[in-house]
Amino acid sequence: MKDPLFSGESAVEASLPSQKVGIAVAVADEPEALDATAGSYANLADQLWRQMGIAAVPDDPLPTQ
């Protein structure tokens, strides 16, 4: 699993060869998505990837954050 987050852009990719599943997600946030109190963006790619992973392979647990 790769999970970078850079300046309003986030991406994640992972594969599960035993199930022949691969998922890649890239998200570019609008400037308004910046959380001014934390000074950062939420990693929306990770959130979306986790939802897709649960739907694709519900019997295989995802890595923890």
N, C-alpha and C. Protein backbone atom coordinates (compact mmCIF):
# COMPACT_ATOMS: atom_id res chain seq x y z
N MET A 1 0.84 -1.17 0.00
CA MET A 1 0.00 0.00 0.00
C MET A 1 0.88 1.23 0.00
N LYS A 2 0.61 2.16 -0.89
CA LYS A 2 1.29 3.47 -0.94
C LYS A 2 0.23 4.52 -0.69
N ASP A 3 0.56 5.54 0.11
CA ASP A 3 -0.45 6.50 0.54
C ASP A 3 0.14 7.90 0.74
N PRO A 4 0.54 8.60 -0.34
CA PRO A 4 1.10 9.94 -0.17
C PRO A 4 0.01 11.02 -0.07
N LEU A 5 0.34 12.13 0.57
CA LEU A 5 -0.54 13.30 0.68
C LEU A 5 0.34 14.53 0.54
N PHE A 6 0.15 15.28 -0.55
CA PHE A 6 0.98 16.45 -0.82
C PHE A 6 0.12 17.65 -1.18
N SER A 7 0.13 18.68 -0.38
CA SER A 7 -0.41 19.98 -0.74
C SER A 7 -1.76 19.93 -1.46
N GLY A 8 -2.71 19.24 -0.88
CA GLY A 8 -4.05 19.20 -1.47
C GLY A 8 -4.27 18.12 -2.50
N GLU A 9 -3.28 17.30 -2.75
CA GLU A 9 -3.43 16.16 -3.64
C GLU A 9 -3.10 14.91 -2.84
N SER A 10 -3.96 13.91 -2.98
CA SER A 10 -3.70 12.66 -2.28
C SER A 10 -3.90 11.51 -3.24
N ALA A 11 -3.20 10.43 -2.97
CA ALA A 11 -3.31 9.25 -3.82
C ALA A 11 -3.01 8.02 -2.98
N VAL A 12 -3.55 6.90 -3.42
CA VAL A 12 -3.27 5.63 -2.76
C VAL A 12 -3.40 4.53 -3.80
N GLU A 13 -2.57 3.54 -3.68
CA GLU A 13 -2.68 2.37 -4.54
C GLU A 13 -2.34 1.15 -3.70
N ALA A 14 -3.05 0.07 -3.99
CA ALA A 14 -2.80 -1.18 -3.28
C ALA A 14 -3.29 -2.33 -4.14
N SER A 15 -2.73 -3.49 -3.88
CA SER A 15 -3.17 -4.68 -4.60
C SER A 15 -3.24 -5.86 -3.66
N LEU A 16 -4.09 -6.78 -4.01
CA LEU A 16 -4.24 -8.02 -3.28
C LEU A 16 -4.19 -9.14 -4.32
N PRO A 17 -2.97 -9.57 -4.66
CA PRO A 17 -2.81 -10.55 -5.74
C PRO A 17 -3.60 -11.84 -5.53
N SER A 18 -3.75 -12.27 -4.29
CA SER A 18 -4.47 -13.52 -4.04
C SER A 18 -5.93 -13.45 -4.48
N GLN A 19 -6.48 -12.24 -4.51
CA GLN A 19 -7.86 -12.05 -4.94
C GLN A 19 -7.94 -11.41 -6.33
N LYS A 20 -6.76 -11.16 -6.94
CA LYS A 20 -6.68 -10.50 -8.25
C LYS A 20 -7.39 -9.14 -8.24
N VAL A 21 -7.10 -8.35 -7.20
CA VAL A 21 -7.70 -7.04 -7.02
C VAL A 21 -6.61 -5.99 -6.92
N GLY A 22 -6.79 -4.91 -7.62
CA GLY A 22 -5.91 -3.75 -7.51
C GLY A 22 -6.76 -2.50 -7.54
N ILE A 23 -6.45 -1.54 -6.68
CA ILE A 23 -7.22 -0.30 -6.61
C ILE A 23 -6.24 0.86 -6.55
N ALA A 24 -6.50 1.88 -7.36
CA ALA A 24 -5.72 3.11 -7.32
C ALA A 24 -6.69 4.29 -7.33
N VAL A 25 -6.44 5.27 -6.46
CA VAL A 25 -7.31 6.44 -6.34
C VAL A 25 -6.42 7.67 -6.25
N ALA A 26 -6.77 8.71 -6.99
CA ALA A 26 -6.09 10.01 -6.89
C ALA A 26 -7.15 11.09 -6.72
N VAL A 27 -6.90 12.02 -5.80
CA VAL A 27 -7.86 13.09 -5.51
C VAL A 27 -7.10 14.42 -5.48
N ALA A 28 -7.66 15.42 -6.14
CA ALA A 28 -7.13 16.79 -6.06
C ALA A 28 -8.19 17.64 -5.35
N ASP A 29 -7.85 18.17 -4.20
CA ASP A 29 -8.81 18.94 -3.41
C ASP A 29 -8.88 20.38 -3.87
N GLU A 30 -10.04 20.98 -3.71
CA GLU A 30 -10.22 22.41 -3.92
C GLU A 30 -9.52 23.15 -2.77
N PRO A 31 -9.06 24.37 -3.00
CA PRO A 31 -8.42 25.12 -1.91
C PRO A 31 -9.31 25.25 -0.67
N GLU A 32 -10.62 25.28 -0.87
CA GLU A 32 -11.55 25.42 0.25
C GLU A 32 -11.56 24.20 1.16
N ALA A 33 -11.00 23.08 0.70
CA ALA A 33 -10.98 21.86 1.51
C ALA A 33 -9.93 21.90 2.62
N LEU A 34 -9.06 22.90 2.59
CA LEU A 34 -8.03 23.03 3.63
C LEU A 34 -8.67 23.24 4.99
N ASP A 35 -8.29 22.45 5.95
CA ASP A 35 -8.74 22.63 7.33
C ASP A 35 -7.84 23.67 7.97
N ALA A 36 -8.34 24.89 8.09
CA ALA A 36 -7.52 26.00 8.60
C ALA A 36 -7.06 25.77 10.04
N THR A 37 -7.85 25.06 10.84
CA THR A 37 -7.46 24.83 12.23
C THR A 37 -6.30 23.84 12.32
N ALA A 38 -6.29 22.84 11.45
CA ALA A 38 -5.21 21.85 11.46
C ALA A 38 -4.10 22.22 10.49
N GLY A 39 -4.41 23.07 9.51
CA GLY A 39 -3.40 23.45 8.52
C GLY A 39 -3.10 22.35 7.52
N SER A 40 -4.08 21.47 7.29
CA SER A 40 -3.84 20.36 6.37
C SER A 40 -5.14 19.96 5.68
N TYR A 41 -4.98 19.06 4.73
CA TYR A 41 -6.12 18.51 4.01
C TYR A 41 -6.41 17.11 4.55
N ALA A 42 -7.67 16.71 4.51
CA ALA A 42 -8.02 15.33 4.83
C ALA A 42 -7.54 14.45 3.68
N ASN A 43 -7.12 13.26 3.98
CA ASN A 43 -6.67 12.35 2.92
C ASN A 43 -7.90 11.62 2.35
N LEU A 44 -8.58 12.30 1.42
CA LEU A 44 -9.81 11.75 0.86
C LEU A 44 -9.54 10.52 0.00
N ALA A 45 -8.38 10.43 -0.61
CA ALA A 45 -8.05 9.25 -1.41
C ALA A 45 -8.03 8.01 -0.53
N ASP A 46 -7.46 8.13 0.66
CA ASP A 46 -7.40 6.99 1.59
C ASP A 46 -8.81 6.59 2.02
N GLN A 47 -9.65 7.58 2.33
CA GLN A 47 -11.02 7.27 2.75
C GLN A 47 -11.79 6.55 1.64
N LEU A 48 -11.65 7.04 0.40
CA LEU A 48 -12.34 6.43 -0.73
C LEU A 48 -11.80 5.03 -1.01
N TRP A 49 -10.47 4.88 -0.96
CA TRP A 49 -9.85 3.58 -1.19
C TRP A 49 -10.35 2.54 -0.19
N ARG A 50 -10.46 2.92 1.06
CA ARG A 50 -10.94 1.99 2.09
C ARG A 50 -12.37 1.55 1.81
N GLN A 51 -13.23 2.47 1.39
CA GLN A 51 -14.61 2.11 1.06
C GLN A 51 -14.63 1.15 -0.14
N MET A 52 -13.81 1.42 -1.15
CA MET A 52 -13.75 0.55 -2.32
C MET A 52 -13.19 -0.82 -1.96
N GLY A 53 -12.18 -0.85 -1.10
CA GLY A 53 -11.58 -2.11 -0.68
C GLY A 53 -12.55 -2.99 0.07
N ILE A 54 -13.33 -2.40 0.95
CA ILE A 54 -14.33 -3.15 1.70
C ILE A 54 -15.37 -3.73 0.75
N ALA A 55 -15.77 -2.96 -0.26
CA ALA A 55 -16.76 -3.44 -1.23
C ALA A 55 -16.17 -4.55 -2.12
N ALA A 56 -14.90 -4.41 -2.49
CA ALA A 56 -14.28 -5.37 -3.42
C ALA A 56 -13.91 -6.69 -2.75
N VAL A 57 -13.39 -6.63 -1.54
CA VAL A 57 -12.96 -7.85 -0.83
C VAL A 57 -13.41 -7.78 0.64
N PRO A 58 -14.70 -7.96 0.88
CA PRO A 58 -15.22 -7.79 2.24
C PRO A 58 -14.67 -8.78 3.26
N ASP A 59 -14.14 -9.91 2.81
CA ASP A 59 -13.64 -10.92 3.73
C ASP A 59 -12.15 -10.78 4.05
N ASP A 60 -11.49 -9.80 3.44
CA ASP A 60 -10.07 -9.56 3.69
C ASP A 60 -9.92 -8.23 4.41
N PRO A 61 -9.36 -8.22 5.62
CA PRO A 61 -9.24 -6.96 6.35
C PRO A 61 -8.23 -6.02 5.67
N LEU A 62 -8.53 -4.74 5.70
CA LEU A 62 -7.64 -3.72 5.15
C LEU A 62 -6.54 -3.39 6.17
N PRO A 63 -5.40 -2.91 5.69
CA PRO A 63 -4.35 -2.48 6.64
C PRO A 63 -4.86 -1.34 7.49
N THR A 64 -4.40 -1.27 8.71
CA THR A 64 -4.78 -0.15 9.59
C THR A 64 -3.98 1.08 9.21
N GLN A 65 -4.49 2.21 9.60
CA GLN A 65 -3.82 3.47 9.27
C GLN A 65 -2.64 3.69 10.17
